[in-house]
Amino acid sequence: MDSSSIDTGKRNEITESTLQNDLLEMYEKKVNTDVNICVENSFVCFTAHKLILATRSPVFADMFWNDPESQPETIKIEGASAQVMTLLLWYIYTDELRTNSFDELIELAKVGQRYEIGGLIRACKCRIARHPINRNNVFTLMEALRYFKLYFCFKRCLKFIRSVSPTDLFKRKEFLEISHDTLLQILKHRDTSNESDIYVMEAVIHWLQHRNKRDRSLLTEFNIFSLSCDEFLDLVGKFPSFFTSREITQILCNIIRPGLMKLPPWCKKDSVSDNNKTFRKILDENSLSEDFFRRALLSTSLEIKTDCQRAFLKSYFYEEDGFDVSVTFEIKLSRHFPFFPIW
């Protein structure tokens, strides 16, 4: 490379640096500014140059150039704080992103999308994707990654959730704010090898009640028959208004004896099949045939009992002492009960 090309490169570098500094100086000193920018829910107002804004954003260009009769002297930016507006204008004038704050990056990227500032969107997405995952931000990060379609990073969050205990993670208030689609992906990719599904079921029901929903579609991701009677009754006790009395009866009967009653529509068919296999294994281990069991059941009444212990504290009742109570749920099936299915 000859000396003339080196000198040319240096001159270009100096010119670019000077141009950037000059533009920034124009902005900071408000030299010949011709538009005011106001942000929502703030008394702060910024000044800028229409030419610079229009050059950097097609939306601003359309606003200022394509409608000669409408030349606004003041524009209002919705969905952006004063701090984010400061960062936005700094990027427009300098091409520099001056924040690593997760919340600011998300807000800034959304504003960048609204005004079609491609470089800003890419810069924000890049930093969001590299943001470290921890218990405090995993759910908020997942929502942002889904919003910006960064699905390869979304999988990192799913992997993180599988690597930690859900007991504490799903109790965080951030969990209640995630979307239905994000929660569905968590359920589909969860790991249930270490802990009972009961903790995840409690979290999902809590999420549904937080949103005043009785939607059962998310429950199809669970095998309700992986629970014991005590676990299911404990779930009913924690969320007394969630399950209907019919659902409680149907599920209890089928936990104890697969196929005893028609199941709620949201129960997975393969989970029923798994429960049937477990029941048949018990019969085989005890050298009992299904015909023998069915004949014995039809010739005598079948009595199903399960005990439920509950403590009622003094604070539950006005001027009353607390007390403990023992309740026995009892289901009796007579010989007139319909025939059981043959597997």
Protein backbone atom coordinates (compact mmCIF):
# COMPACT_ATOMS: atom_id res chain seq x y z
CA MET A 1 0.00 0.00 0.00
CA ASP A 2 1.50 3.36 -1.02
CA SER A 3 1.67 6.44 1.19
CA SER A 4 -1.06 8.26 -0.75
CA SER A 5 -3.65 5.58 0.03
CA ILE A 6 -2.65 5.64 3.70
CA ASP A 7 -3.03 9.42 3.78
CA THR A 8 -6.43 9.14 2.10
CA GLY A 9 -7.55 6.59 4.72
CA LYS A 10 -6.43 8.86 7.53
CA ARG A 11 -8.22 11.85 6.00
CA ASN A 12 -11.44 9.79 5.69
CA GLU A 13 -11.12 8.63 9.30
CA ILE A 14 -10.64 12.22 10.49
CA THR A 15 -13.51 13.46 8.33
CA GLU A 16 -15.90 10.76 9.65
CA SER A 17 -14.92 11.46 13.23
CA THR A 18 -15.29 15.22 12.75
CA LEU A 19 -18.65 14.85 10.99
CA GLN A 20 -19.99 12.75 13.86
CA ASN A 21 -18.76 15.23 16.43
CA ASP A 22 -20.16 18.17 14.46
CA LEU A 23 -23.60 16.55 14.22
CA LEU A 24 -23.55 15.85 17.94
CA GLU A 25 -22.53 19.44 18.65
CA MET A 26 -25.42 20.71 16.50
CA TYR A 27 -27.80 18.58 18.54
CA GLU A 28 -26.43 19.46 21.96
CA LYS A 29 -26.22 23.21 21.22
CA LYS A 30 -29.62 23.17 19.45
CA VAL A 31 -28.21 24.87 16.37
CA ASN A 32 -31.06 25.70 13.95
CA THR A 33 -33.35 23.00 15.34
CA ASP A 34 -36.77 22.99 13.70
CA VAL A 35 -38.86 20.35 15.50
CA ASN A 36 -39.83 19.67 19.11
CA ILE A 37 -40.20 16.10 20.40
CA CYS A 38 -42.37 15.43 23.42
CA VAL A 39 -42.60 12.10 25.23
CA GLU A 40 -45.65 10.57 26.83
CA ASN A 41 -46.29 11.21 30.55
CA SER A 42 -43.41 13.66 30.83
CA PHE A 43 -42.88 17.42 30.78
CA VAL A 44 -39.50 16.92 29.09
CA CYS A 45 -39.28 18.18 25.51
CA PHE A 46 -36.41 17.62 23.07
CA THR A 47 -35.37 19.63 20.03
CA ALA A 48 -33.94 18.15 16.84
CA HIS A 49 -33.47 18.64 13.11
CA LYS A 50 -36.09 17.34 10.69
CA LEU A 51 -33.46 16.65 8.06
CA ILE A 52 -31.44 14.39 10.39
CA LEU A 53 -34.52 12.56 11.67
CA ALA A 54 -35.86 12.01 8.15
CA THR A 55 -32.50 10.75 6.92
CA ARG A 56 -32.33 8.15 9.70
CA SER A 57 -35.96 7.02 9.77
CA PRO A 58 -38.38 6.29 6.88
CA VAL A 59 -41.27 7.06 9.22
CA PHE A 60 -39.91 10.51 10.01
CA ALA A 61 -39.15 11.02 6.30
CA ASP A 62 -42.76 10.28 5.42
CA MET A 63 -43.92 12.58 8.20
CA PHE A 64 -41.77 15.54 7.14
CA TRP A 65 -41.31 15.19 3.37
CA ASN A 66 -44.21 13.32 1.78
CA ASP A 67 -46.92 15.64 3.03
CA PRO A 68 -45.89 19.25 2.25
CA GLU A 69 -49.09 20.64 3.77
CA SER A 70 -48.45 18.93 7.08
CA GLN A 71 -45.17 20.10 8.56
CA PRO A 72 -45.48 19.51 12.32
CA GLU A 73 -43.35 21.64 14.55
CA THR A 74 -44.04 19.34 17.50
CA ILE A 75 -44.32 15.55 17.47
CA LYS A 76 -45.27 13.24 20.31
CA ILE A 77 -43.49 9.94 20.87
CA GLU A 78 -45.69 7.41 22.67
CA GLY A 79 -44.43 4.41 24.60
CA ALA A 80 -41.03 5.90 25.41
CA SER A 81 -39.61 7.40 28.58
CA ALA A 82 -37.51 10.55 28.61
CA GLN A 83 -34.39 8.45 29.21
CA VAL A 84 -35.11 6.22 26.21
CA MET A 85 -35.81 9.28 24.05
CA THR A 86 -32.40 10.64 25.04
CA LEU A 87 -30.80 7.34 23.99
CA LEU A 88 -32.78 7.31 20.73
CA LEU A 89 -31.67 10.80 19.69
CA TRP A 90 -28.09 10.04 20.69
CA TYR A 91 -28.13 7.01 18.38
CA ILE A 92 -29.73 8.98 15.54
CA TYR A 93 -27.01 11.64 15.68
CA THR A 94 -23.99 9.44 16.51
CA ASP A 95 -24.84 5.84 15.53
CA GLU A 96 -23.83 4.78 19.05
CA LEU A 97 -25.89 2.71 21.50
CA ARG A 98 -25.15 4.00 24.98
CA THR A 99 -26.92 1.56 27.29
CA ASN A 100 -26.64 -2.01 28.53
CA SER A 101 -29.73 -1.78 30.71
CA PHE A 102 -32.04 -4.68 29.86
CA ASP A 103 -35.24 -2.68 30.33
CA GLU A 104 -33.92 0.26 28.32
CA LEU A 105 -32.77 -2.01 25.50
CA ILE A 106 -36.23 -3.55 25.18
CA GLU A 107 -37.99 -0.18 25.22
CA LEU A 108 -35.46 1.31 22.80
CA ALA A 109 -35.76 -1.61 20.37
CA LYS A 110 -39.55 -1.27 20.33
CA VAL A 111 -39.29 2.44 19.53
CA GLY A 112 -36.73 1.59 16.86
CA GLN A 113 -39.19 -0.84 15.28
CA ARG A 114 -41.95 1.75 15.32
CA TYR A 115 -39.78 4.27 13.46
CA GLU A 116 -38.00 1.64 11.31
CA ILE A 117 -34.47 2.47 12.43
CA GLY A 118 -32.81 -0.75 11.31
CA GLY A 119 -29.36 -0.21 12.81
CA LEU A 120 -30.80 0.55 16.22
CA ILE A 121 -33.02 -2.53 16.14
CA ARG A 122 -30.09 -4.80 15.27
CA ALA A 123 -27.84 -3.27 17.93
CA CYS A 124 -30.50 -3.68 20.65
CA LYS A 125 -31.33 -7.25 19.62
CA CYS A 126 -27.66 -8.18 19.71
CA ARG A 127 -27.25 -6.93 23.29
CA ILE A 128 -30.55 -8.45 24.44
CA ALA A 129 -29.51 -11.84 23.02
CA ARG A 130 -26.20 -11.70 24.92
CA HIS A 131 -27.82 -10.69 28.19
CA PRO A 132 -26.99 -13.15 31.01
CA ILE A 133 -29.86 -15.34 32.24
CA ASN A 134 -30.67 -15.62 35.94
CA ARG A 135 -33.64 -16.31 38.19
CA ASN A 136 -34.54 -12.63 38.38
CA ASN A 137 -34.85 -11.98 34.65
CA VAL A 138 -35.53 -15.29 32.91
CA PHE A 139 -39.27 -14.74 32.41
CA THR A 140 -38.92 -11.10 31.34
CA LEU A 141 -36.12 -12.10 28.99
CA MET A 142 -38.25 -14.84 27.43
CA GLU A 143 -41.03 -12.38 26.67
CA ALA A 144 -38.56 -10.01 25.01
CA LEU A 145 -36.96 -12.80 22.97
CA ARG A 146 -40.35 -13.96 21.71
CA TYR A 147 -41.35 -10.40 20.85
CA PHE A 148 -38.19 -9.87 18.78
CA LYS A 149 -38.29 -13.43 17.36
CA LEU A 150 -34.90 -14.38 18.82
CA TYR A 151 -35.91 -18.02 19.10
CA PHE A 152 -32.38 -19.44 19.33
CA CYS A 153 -31.87 -17.43 22.53
CA PHE A 154 -35.36 -18.38 23.75
CA LYS A 155 -34.17 -21.99 23.83
CA ARG A 156 -31.35 -20.95 26.18
CA CYS A 157 -33.97 -19.74 28.64
CA LEU A 158 -35.89 -23.03 28.39
CA LYS A 159 -32.66 -24.88 29.09
CA PHE A 160 -31.99 -22.66 32.11
CA ILE A 161 -35.46 -23.37 33.54
CA ARG A 162 -34.91 -27.11 33.13
CA SER A 163 -31.62 -26.81 35.02
CA VAL A 164 -33.08 -25.23 38.17
CA SER A 165 -35.74 -26.17 40.67
CA PRO A 166 -39.20 -24.92 39.60
CA THR A 167 -40.40 -24.77 43.21
CA ASP A 168 -38.98 -21.30 43.86
CA LEU A 169 -38.74 -20.10 40.27
CA PHE A 170 -42.48 -20.35 39.60
CA LYS A 171 -43.29 -18.45 42.78
CA ARG A 172 -41.72 -15.27 41.45
CA LYS A 173 -44.09 -12.43 40.56
CA GLU A 174 -42.50 -12.19 37.09
CA PHE A 175 -43.91 -15.63 36.31
CA LEU A 176 -47.47 -14.32 36.62
CA GLU A 177 -46.80 -11.72 33.89
CA ILE A 178 -45.68 -14.07 31.12
CA SER A 179 -47.92 -14.67 28.12
CA HIS A 180 -49.97 -17.79 27.42
CA ASP A 181 -47.66 -18.80 24.55
CA THR A 182 -44.52 -18.45 26.66
CA LEU A 183 -46.05 -20.52 29.46
CA LEU A 184 -47.11 -23.17 26.96
CA GLN A 185 -43.54 -23.46 25.66
CA ILE A 186 -42.24 -23.79 29.24
CA LEU A 187 -44.68 -26.63 29.89
CA LYS A 188 -43.84 -28.43 26.65
CA HIS A 189 -40.10 -28.32 27.36
CA ARG A 190 -40.09 -28.79 31.13
CA ASP A 191 -38.10 -31.48 32.92
CA THR A 192 -40.13 -33.51 35.42
CA SER A 193 -37.47 -36.07 36.27
CA ASN A 194 -36.31 -34.35 39.46
CA GLU A 195 -39.49 -33.11 41.11
CA SER A 196 -43.17 -33.91 41.11
CA ASP A 197 -45.37 -32.23 38.51
CA ILE A 198 -47.52 -30.96 41.38
CA TYR A 199 -45.35 -27.84 41.78
CA VAL A 200 -45.75 -26.89 38.13
CA MET A 201 -49.50 -27.57 38.23
CA GLU A 202 -49.87 -25.28 41.23
CA ALA A 203 -47.96 -22.56 39.38
CA VAL A 204 -50.16 -22.88 36.28
CA ILE A 205 -53.40 -22.73 38.27
CA HIS A 206 -52.05 -19.70 40.16
CA TRP A 207 -51.22 -18.07 36.80
CA LEU A 208 -54.74 -18.78 35.50
CA GLN A 209 -56.41 -17.39 38.61
CA HIS A 210 -54.18 -14.31 38.49
CA ARG A 211 -55.69 -13.62 35.06
CA ASN A 212 -59.22 -14.62 36.12
CA LYS A 213 -59.24 -17.50 33.67
CA ARG A 214 -60.70 -20.98 33.95
CA ASP A 215 -59.04 -22.12 30.73
CA ARG A 216 -58.22 -25.83 30.77
CA SER A 217 -56.06 -25.97 27.63
CA LEU A 218 -52.80 -25.65 29.58
CA LEU A 219 -53.77 -28.58 31.81
CA THR A 220 -53.58 -30.92 28.83
CA GLU A 221 -49.79 -30.70 29.18
CA PHE A 222 -49.95 -32.59 32.49
CA ASN A 223 -50.50 -36.21 33.39
CA ILE A 224 -53.02 -35.73 36.16
CA PHE A 225 -52.68 -39.41 37.04
CA SER A 226 -49.08 -38.95 38.06
CA LEU A 227 -50.55 -37.48 41.27
CA SER A 228 -51.65 -39.52 44.24
CA CYS A 229 -55.07 -38.97 45.83
CA ASP A 230 -53.46 -36.96 48.61
CA GLU A 231 -51.58 -34.75 46.16
CA PHE A 232 -54.69 -34.08 44.12
CA LEU A 233 -56.80 -33.33 47.21
CA ASP A 234 -54.09 -30.99 48.44
CA LEU A 235 -54.26 -29.23 45.06
CA VAL A 236 -58.04 -28.92 45.41
CA GLY A 237 -57.60 -27.53 48.92
CA LYS A 238 -55.18 -24.84 47.75
CA PHE A 239 -57.44 -23.79 44.86
CA PRO A 240 -60.98 -24.62 46.07
CA SER A 241 -62.75 -22.62 43.36
CA PHE A 242 -60.78 -23.92 40.38
CA PHE A 243 -61.94 -27.50 39.87
CA THR A 244 -65.64 -28.30 39.60
CA SER A 245 -67.15 -30.96 41.85
CA ARG A 246 -67.67 -33.14 38.78
CA GLU A 247 -64.01 -32.85 37.78
CA ILE A 248 -62.90 -33.72 41.31
CA THR A 249 -65.09 -36.84 41.37
CA GLN A 250 -64.02 -37.96 37.89
CA ILE A 251 -60.32 -37.52 38.57
CA LEU A 252 -60.38 -39.14 42.03
CA CYS A 253 -62.21 -42.19 40.72
CA ASN A 254 -59.79 -42.62 37.84
CA ILE A 255 -56.71 -42.14 40.02
CA ILE A 256 -57.93 -44.98 42.24
CA ARG A 257 -59.34 -47.12 39.45
CA PRO A 258 -58.56 -46.31 35.79
CA GLY A 259 -61.63 -46.21 33.57
CA LEU A 260 -64.07 -46.02 36.47
CA MET A 261 -65.73 -42.84 35.21
CA LYS A 262 -65.69 -40.66 32.14
CA LEU A 263 -62.80 -38.20 32.31
CA PRO A 264 -62.87 -34.41 31.95
CA PRO A 265 -62.22 -33.45 28.29
CA TRP A 266 -58.86 -31.85 29.09
CA CYS A 267 -57.31 -35.03 30.50
CA LYS A 268 -54.78 -36.53 28.12
CA LYS A 269 -55.73 -39.89 26.64
CA ASP A 270 -52.18 -41.23 26.81
CA SER A 271 -52.07 -40.46 30.55
CA VAL A 272 -55.20 -42.60 31.00
CA SER A 273 -53.51 -45.39 29.07
CA ASP A 274 -50.43 -45.13 31.30
CA ASN A 275 -52.63 -45.34 34.37
CA ASN A 276 -54.34 -48.42 32.95
CA LYS A 277 -50.94 -50.05 32.41
CA THR A 278 -50.04 -49.35 36.04
CA PHE A 279 -53.29 -50.92 37.19
CA ARG A 280 -52.74 -54.02 35.05
CA LYS A 281 -49.23 -54.33 36.48
CA ILE A 282 -50.72 -54.41 39.99
CA LEU A 283 -53.13 -57.16 38.92
CA ASP A 284 -50.28 -59.19 37.41
CA GLU A 285 -48.12 -58.84 40.50
CA ASN A 286 -50.98 -60.17 42.63
CA SER A 287 -51.92 -62.94 40.17
CA LEU A 288 -55.39 -61.46 39.62
CA SER A 289 -57.25 -61.41 36.32
CA GLU A 290 -59.31 -58.49 35.09
CA ASP A 291 -62.39 -60.74 34.83
CA PHE A 292 -61.96 -61.79 38.44
CA PHE A 293 -61.67 -58.17 39.55
CA ARG A 294 -64.70 -57.12 37.53
CA ARG A 295 -66.87 -60.00 38.82
CA ALA A 296 -65.85 -59.25 42.38
CA LEU A 297 -66.71 -55.61 41.90
CA LEU A 298 -70.12 -56.32 40.39
CA SER A 299 -71.07 -58.81 43.08
CA THR A 300 -70.23 -56.50 45.96
CA SER A 301 -70.18 -52.79 46.59
CA LEU A 302 -66.89 -50.99 46.11
CA GLU A 303 -66.05 -48.42 48.73
CA ILE A 304 -63.42 -45.78 48.00
CA LYS A 305 -62.20 -43.70 50.89
CA THR A 306 -59.48 -41.14 51.26
CA ASP A 307 -58.78 -38.92 54.24
CA CYS A 308 -57.99 -35.24 54.03
CA GLN A 309 -56.50 -33.34 56.99
CA ARG A 310 -57.06 -29.57 57.14
CA ALA A 311 -56.13 -27.01 59.80
CA PHE A 312 -58.25 -23.86 60.13
CA LEU A 313 -56.41 -21.06 61.92
CA LYS A 314 -57.97 -18.66 64.37
CA SER A 315 -57.51 -15.81 61.91
CA TYR A 316 -59.95 -17.46 59.50
CA PHE A 317 -62.92 -16.84 61.79
CA TYR A 318 -64.14 -13.78 63.67
CA GLU A 319 -63.75 -14.24 67.46
CA GLU A 320 -63.41 -18.00 67.11
CA ASP A 321 -60.57 -20.32 68.04
CA GLY A 322 -58.77 -22.26 65.37
CA PHE A 323 -59.37 -25.99 64.98
CA ASP A 324 -58.29 -29.04 62.99
CA VAL A 325 -60.69 -31.11 60.96
CA SER A 326 -60.50 -34.52 59.34
CA VAL A 327 -62.70 -35.13 56.31
CA THR A 328 -63.27 -38.50 54.66
CA PHE A 329 -64.26 -38.54 51.02
CA GLU A 330 -66.29 -41.68 50.40
CA ILE A 331 -67.58 -43.06 47.10
CA LYS A 332 -69.70 -46.21 47.05
CA LEU A 333 -70.39 -48.11 43.85
CA SER A 334 -73.16 -50.71 43.96
CA ARG A 335 -73.65 -53.76 41.76
CA HIS A 336 -75.96 -51.65 39.61
CA PHE A 337 -73.07 -49.46 38.55
CA PRO A 338 -72.42 -49.74 34.77
CA PHE A 339 -69.98 -52.31 33.44
CA PHE A 340 -66.34 -51.34 33.39
CA PRO A 341 -64.49 -51.26 30.11
CA ILE A 342 -62.48 -54.28 29.04
CA TRP A 343 -58.91 -53.47 28.03
